[in-house]
Amino acid sequence: MHITIFGANGPTGRLLTGQALAAGHRVTAVTRQPHSFPLRHDRLDVVGADVLDPVAVDAVVAKRDAVLSTLGVPAGKEPISTYSRGVANIIAAMTGHQVRRLTVVSSSGVDPHPYSEGGLLFNRVLLPYVTRVLGKTLYDDMRRMEALVRASDLDWTVVRPSGLFHLPSVTDYTLVEGHADGRFTARVDLAASMLALLADDRHLRTTVSVITRADNPALLHWIRREALSKS
């Protein structure tokens, strides 16, 4: 397949690009900073483009078989619109060029649930603070993005990971429709699940959650390494 990856220069996007190339796909990696993209391959095209530019988006969507979005924006107090505006441009381009398959990364934070292993601190303090205060504008825009995707006529899947962290290799991750009872998702598993969905029609026009069961970080370690840093 010839696939386009938006947000390709982020931590998950780089992993997804590498996995897609290893699987034999041709990849167009879209990033605003193409000169800093670390991967090189004869089946890889690195394109400097902004997802907020509809003309640029149109050019990298035409004649592709699928589009994968790993867009990421740091949380902050200011309004965020990158997810919704970017995906609106992607949907318009895909519709115009009759490209059907779309997979976008969202977050479990758009519809937070208490976790069975979360404990009082996580469920009653950290989770509400992250989703309602620290990340409010981010999750609000992700909800707008999800609504746009669901309203489209594309063959879409929305993927919601939990708290992202680093592992060196893919695990036996869990992928379920709707909410998954797990606090963490390795980026390498998130990338692998997105790639696997390209060959799996069971989850078309659905929202899925992906979680990692193995080697989860301790909560305080995760806060120091991930939650308080740009992911």
Protein backbone atom coordinates (compact mmCIF):
# COMPACT_ATOMS: atom_id res chain seq x y z
CA MET A 1 0.00 0.00 0.00
CA HIS A 2 0.98 3.62 -0.46
CA ILE A 3 0.12 5.41 2.77
CA THR A 4 0.44 8.98 3.99
CA ILE A 5 1.29 9.61 7.65
CA PHE A 6 0.53 13.00 9.18
CA GLY A 7 2.44 13.85 12.35
CA ALA A 8 5.19 11.56 11.08
CA ASN A 9 7.98 13.36 12.96
CA GLY A 10 6.44 12.83 16.39
CA PRO A 11 7.47 9.90 18.63
CA THR A 12 4.58 7.67 17.48
CA GLY A 13 4.77 8.87 13.89
CA ARG A 14 8.43 7.89 13.57
CA LEU A 15 7.70 4.42 14.94
CA LEU A 16 4.73 4.03 12.61
CA THR A 17 6.79 5.11 9.62
CA GLY A 18 9.51 2.61 10.44
CA GLN A 19 7.05 -0.22 10.97
CA ALA A 20 5.20 0.57 7.74
CA LEU A 21 8.44 0.49 5.76
CA ALA A 22 9.45 -2.79 7.41
CA ALA A 23 6.08 -4.23 6.38
CA GLY A 24 6.74 -3.35 2.73
CA HIS A 25 4.54 -0.27 2.34
CA ARG A 26 5.45 2.89 0.47
CA VAL A 27 5.19 5.84 2.86
CA THR A 28 4.76 9.57 2.50
CA ALA A 29 5.83 11.07 5.83
CA VAL A 30 4.37 14.54 6.32
CA THR A 31 6.09 16.92 8.72
CA ARG A 32 6.62 20.65 9.10
CA GLN A 33 10.32 19.97 9.71
CA PRO A 34 11.43 17.51 7.02
CA HIS A 35 15.14 18.18 7.54
CA SER A 36 14.97 16.77 11.07
CA PHE A 37 13.22 13.55 10.06
CA PRO A 38 15.63 10.73 10.94
CA LEU A 39 14.52 7.92 8.62
CA ARG A 40 15.71 7.26 5.07
CA HIS A 41 14.45 4.57 2.72
CA ASP A 42 13.89 4.05 -1.00
CA ARG A 43 10.14 3.61 -0.34
CA LEU A 44 9.95 6.73 1.84
CA ASP A 45 9.06 10.25 0.71
CA VAL A 46 9.50 12.92 3.37
CA VAL A 47 7.36 15.95 2.57
CA GLY A 48 7.44 19.30 4.30
CA ALA A 49 3.83 20.37 4.73
CA ASP A 50 1.43 21.77 7.31
CA VAL A 51 -1.79 19.88 7.98
CA LEU A 52 -3.51 23.27 8.32
CA ASP A 53 -2.73 24.08 4.67
CA PRO A 54 -5.49 22.49 2.56
CA VAL A 55 -3.51 22.76 -0.69
CA ALA A 56 -0.51 20.98 0.82
CA VAL A 57 -2.73 18.31 2.36
CA ASP A 58 -4.46 17.71 -0.96
CA ALA A 59 -1.14 17.10 -2.68
CA VAL A 60 0.03 14.40 -0.24
CA VAL A 61 -3.32 12.59 -0.14
CA ALA A 62 -3.85 12.21 -3.89
CA LYS A 63 -3.28 8.69 -5.28
CA ARG A 64 -2.72 7.16 -1.82
CA ASP A 65 -4.36 3.99 -0.53
CA ALA A 66 -4.73 5.08 3.09
CA VAL A 67 -4.09 8.00 5.44
CA LEU A 68 -2.91 7.66 9.04
CA SER A 69 -2.84 10.60 11.45
CA THR A 70 -0.61 10.67 14.50
CA LEU A 71 -0.93 14.42 15.00
CA GLY A 72 0.16 15.57 18.43
CA VAL A 73 -0.13 18.95 20.14
CA PRO A 74 1.17 19.84 23.62
CA ALA A 75 -1.52 20.54 26.19
CA GLY A 76 -1.95 24.13 27.29
CA LYS A 77 -4.45 26.72 28.40
CA GLU A 78 -4.77 28.37 24.98
CA PRO A 79 -7.45 27.14 22.55
CA ILE A 80 -6.33 24.26 20.34
CA SER A 81 -7.70 23.62 16.85
CA THR A 82 -4.96 21.63 15.10
CA TYR A 83 -6.72 18.28 15.41
CA SER A 84 -10.10 19.42 14.09
CA ARG A 85 -8.83 21.79 11.40
CA GLY A 86 -6.18 19.35 10.25
CA VAL A 87 -8.56 16.41 10.04
CA ALA A 88 -11.12 18.57 8.24
CA ASN A 89 -8.49 19.22 5.56
CA ILE A 90 -7.57 15.53 5.44
CA ILE A 91 -11.21 14.45 5.06
CA ALA A 92 -11.81 17.00 2.31
CA ALA A 93 -8.75 15.84 0.39
CA MET A 94 -9.59 12.16 0.82
CA THR A 95 -13.16 12.75 -0.31
CA GLY A 96 -12.01 14.71 -3.35
CA HIS A 97 -9.51 12.04 -4.39
CA GLN A 98 -11.70 9.08 -3.42
CA VAL A 99 -9.22 7.75 -0.86
CA ARG A 100 -11.25 5.67 1.57
CA ARG A 101 -9.17 4.40 4.50
CA LEU A 102 -8.50 6.79 7.40
CA THR A 103 -7.15 6.04 10.86
CA VAL A 104 -6.63 8.81 13.42
CA VAL A 105 -5.10 8.82 16.88
CA SER A 106 -7.25 10.38 19.57
CA SER A 107 -7.02 9.65 23.31
CA SER A 108 -8.82 7.85 26.10
CA GLY A 109 -8.94 11.29 27.74
CA VAL A 110 -11.80 12.39 25.48
CA ASP A 111 -14.09 9.99 27.37
CA PRO A 112 -12.38 9.28 30.69
CA HIS A 113 -13.41 6.34 32.89
CA PRO A 114 -12.03 5.22 36.25
CA TYR A 115 -9.59 2.34 35.93
CA SER A 116 -9.87 -0.80 38.03
CA GLU A 117 -6.16 -0.71 38.87
CA GLY A 118 -5.94 3.08 38.98
CA GLY A 119 -6.38 3.63 42.68
CA LEU A 120 -7.70 6.69 44.48
CA LEU A 121 -4.87 9.05 43.47
CA PHE A 122 -5.13 8.28 39.77
CA ASN A 123 -8.93 8.02 39.44
CA ARG A 124 -10.00 10.81 41.77
CA VAL A 125 -7.14 13.32 41.45
CA LEU A 126 -4.82 12.86 38.47
CA LEU A 127 -7.34 11.76 35.84
CA PRO A 128 -9.82 14.61 36.46
CA TYR A 129 -7.01 17.17 36.63
CA VAL A 130 -5.47 16.04 33.33
CA THR A 131 -8.74 15.73 31.40
CA ARG A 132 -10.69 18.68 32.84
CA VAL A 133 -7.96 21.23 33.62
CA LEU A 134 -4.48 20.59 32.20
CA GLY A 135 -5.65 19.09 28.92
CA LYS A 136 -9.13 20.58 28.60
CA THR A 137 -8.55 22.51 25.37
CA LEU A 138 -6.66 19.59 23.85
CA TYR A 139 -9.39 17.04 24.58
CA ASP A 140 -12.09 19.47 23.48
CA ASP A 141 -10.43 19.68 20.07
CA MET A 142 -9.95 15.92 19.90
CA ARG A 143 -13.71 15.57 20.45
CA ARG A 144 -14.33 17.95 17.56
CA MET A 145 -11.92 15.89 15.45
CA GLU A 146 -13.68 12.65 16.31
CA ALA A 147 -17.07 14.17 15.45
CA LEU A 148 -15.78 15.21 12.02
CA VAL A 149 -14.38 11.76 11.36
CA ARG A 150 -17.62 10.03 12.37
CA ALA A 151 -19.67 12.35 10.18
CA SER A 152 -17.58 11.53 7.12
CA ASP A 153 -18.37 8.83 4.56
CA LEU A 154 -14.85 7.40 4.79
CA ASP A 155 -13.78 3.99 6.04
CA TRP A 156 -12.48 5.38 9.30
CA THR A 157 -11.20 4.10 12.61
CA VAL A 158 -10.53 6.29 15.66
CA VAL A 159 -7.80 4.88 17.90
CA ARG A 160 -7.71 5.91 21.55
CA PRO A 161 -4.53 5.08 23.47
CA SER A 162 -4.13 5.62 27.20
CA GLY A 163 -1.07 7.23 28.81
CA LEU A 164 1.76 6.94 26.30
CA PHE A 165 5.19 5.63 27.23
CA HIS A 166 8.27 4.12 25.61
CA LEU A 167 9.06 0.44 25.09
CA PRO A 168 11.70 -0.89 22.70
CA SER A 169 9.54 -3.46 20.92
CA VAL A 170 5.93 -4.41 20.21
CA THR A 171 4.11 -6.39 22.91
CA ASP A 172 1.00 -8.53 22.92
CA TYR A 173 -1.15 -5.41 23.22
CA THR A 174 -4.94 -5.36 23.67
CA LEU A 175 -7.23 -3.78 21.07
CA VAL A 176 -10.95 -3.52 21.83
CA GLU A 177 -13.88 -1.50 20.58
CA GLY A 178 -14.92 1.25 22.97
CA HIS A 179 -13.22 1.75 26.33
CA ALA A 180 -10.33 -0.45 27.49
CA ASP A 181 -9.56 -0.83 31.19
CA GLY A 182 -5.87 0.03 31.15
CA ARG A 183 -3.91 3.15 32.03
CA PHE A 184 -0.95 2.90 29.64
CA THR A 185 -0.14 2.37 25.98
CA ALA A 186 3.35 1.92 24.57
CA ARG A 187 3.88 4.09 21.51
CA VAL A 188 5.33 1.12 19.67
CA ASP A 189 2.08 -0.79 20.31
CA LEU A 190 -0.02 2.17 19.21
CA ALA A 191 1.92 2.29 15.94
CA ALA A 192 1.60 -1.47 15.45
CA SER A 193 -2.14 -1.38 16.06
CA MET A 194 -2.64 1.37 13.49
CA LEU A 195 -0.69 -0.58 10.91
CA ALA A 196 -2.61 -3.79 11.69
CA LEU A 197 -5.93 -1.99 11.24
CA LEU A 198 -5.10 -1.38 7.57
CA ALA A 199 -5.55 -5.09 6.93
CA ASP A 200 -8.50 -5.61 9.27
CA ASP A 201 -12.01 -4.64 8.17
CA ARG A 202 -13.60 -5.62 11.50
CA HIS A 203 -13.09 -2.16 12.98
CA LEU A 204 -14.28 0.07 10.14
CA ARG A 205 -16.31 3.07 11.30
CA THR A 206 -15.64 2.29 14.96
CA THR A 207 -13.67 3.71 17.88
CA VAL A 208 -11.11 1.34 19.38
CA SER A 209 -8.83 1.48 22.39
CA VAL A 210 -5.33 0.05 22.52
CA ILE A 211 -3.56 -0.69 25.79
CA THR A 212 -0.29 -2.29 26.83
CA ARG A 213 -0.35 -4.84 29.64
CA ALA A 214 3.36 -5.63 29.85
CA ASP A 215 6.09 -3.55 31.49
CA ASN A 216 3.83 -0.67 32.50
CA PRO A 217 5.67 2.16 34.25
CA ALA A 218 5.11 3.11 37.86
CA LEU A 219 2.75 6.07 38.10
CA LEU A 220 5.28 8.55 39.51
CA HIS A 221 7.88 7.49 36.95
CA TRP A 222 5.35 7.99 34.16
CA ILE A 223 4.43 11.45 35.46
CA ARG A 224 8.08 12.51 35.53
CA ARG A 225 9.02 11.02 32.16
CA GLU A 226 5.84 11.44 30.12
CA ALA A 227 2.99 13.43 31.59
CA LEU A 228 5.14 16.44 32.40
CA SER A 229 7.06 16.39 29.12
CA LYS A 230 6.17 16.88 25.49
CA SER A 231 4.98 13.54 24.07
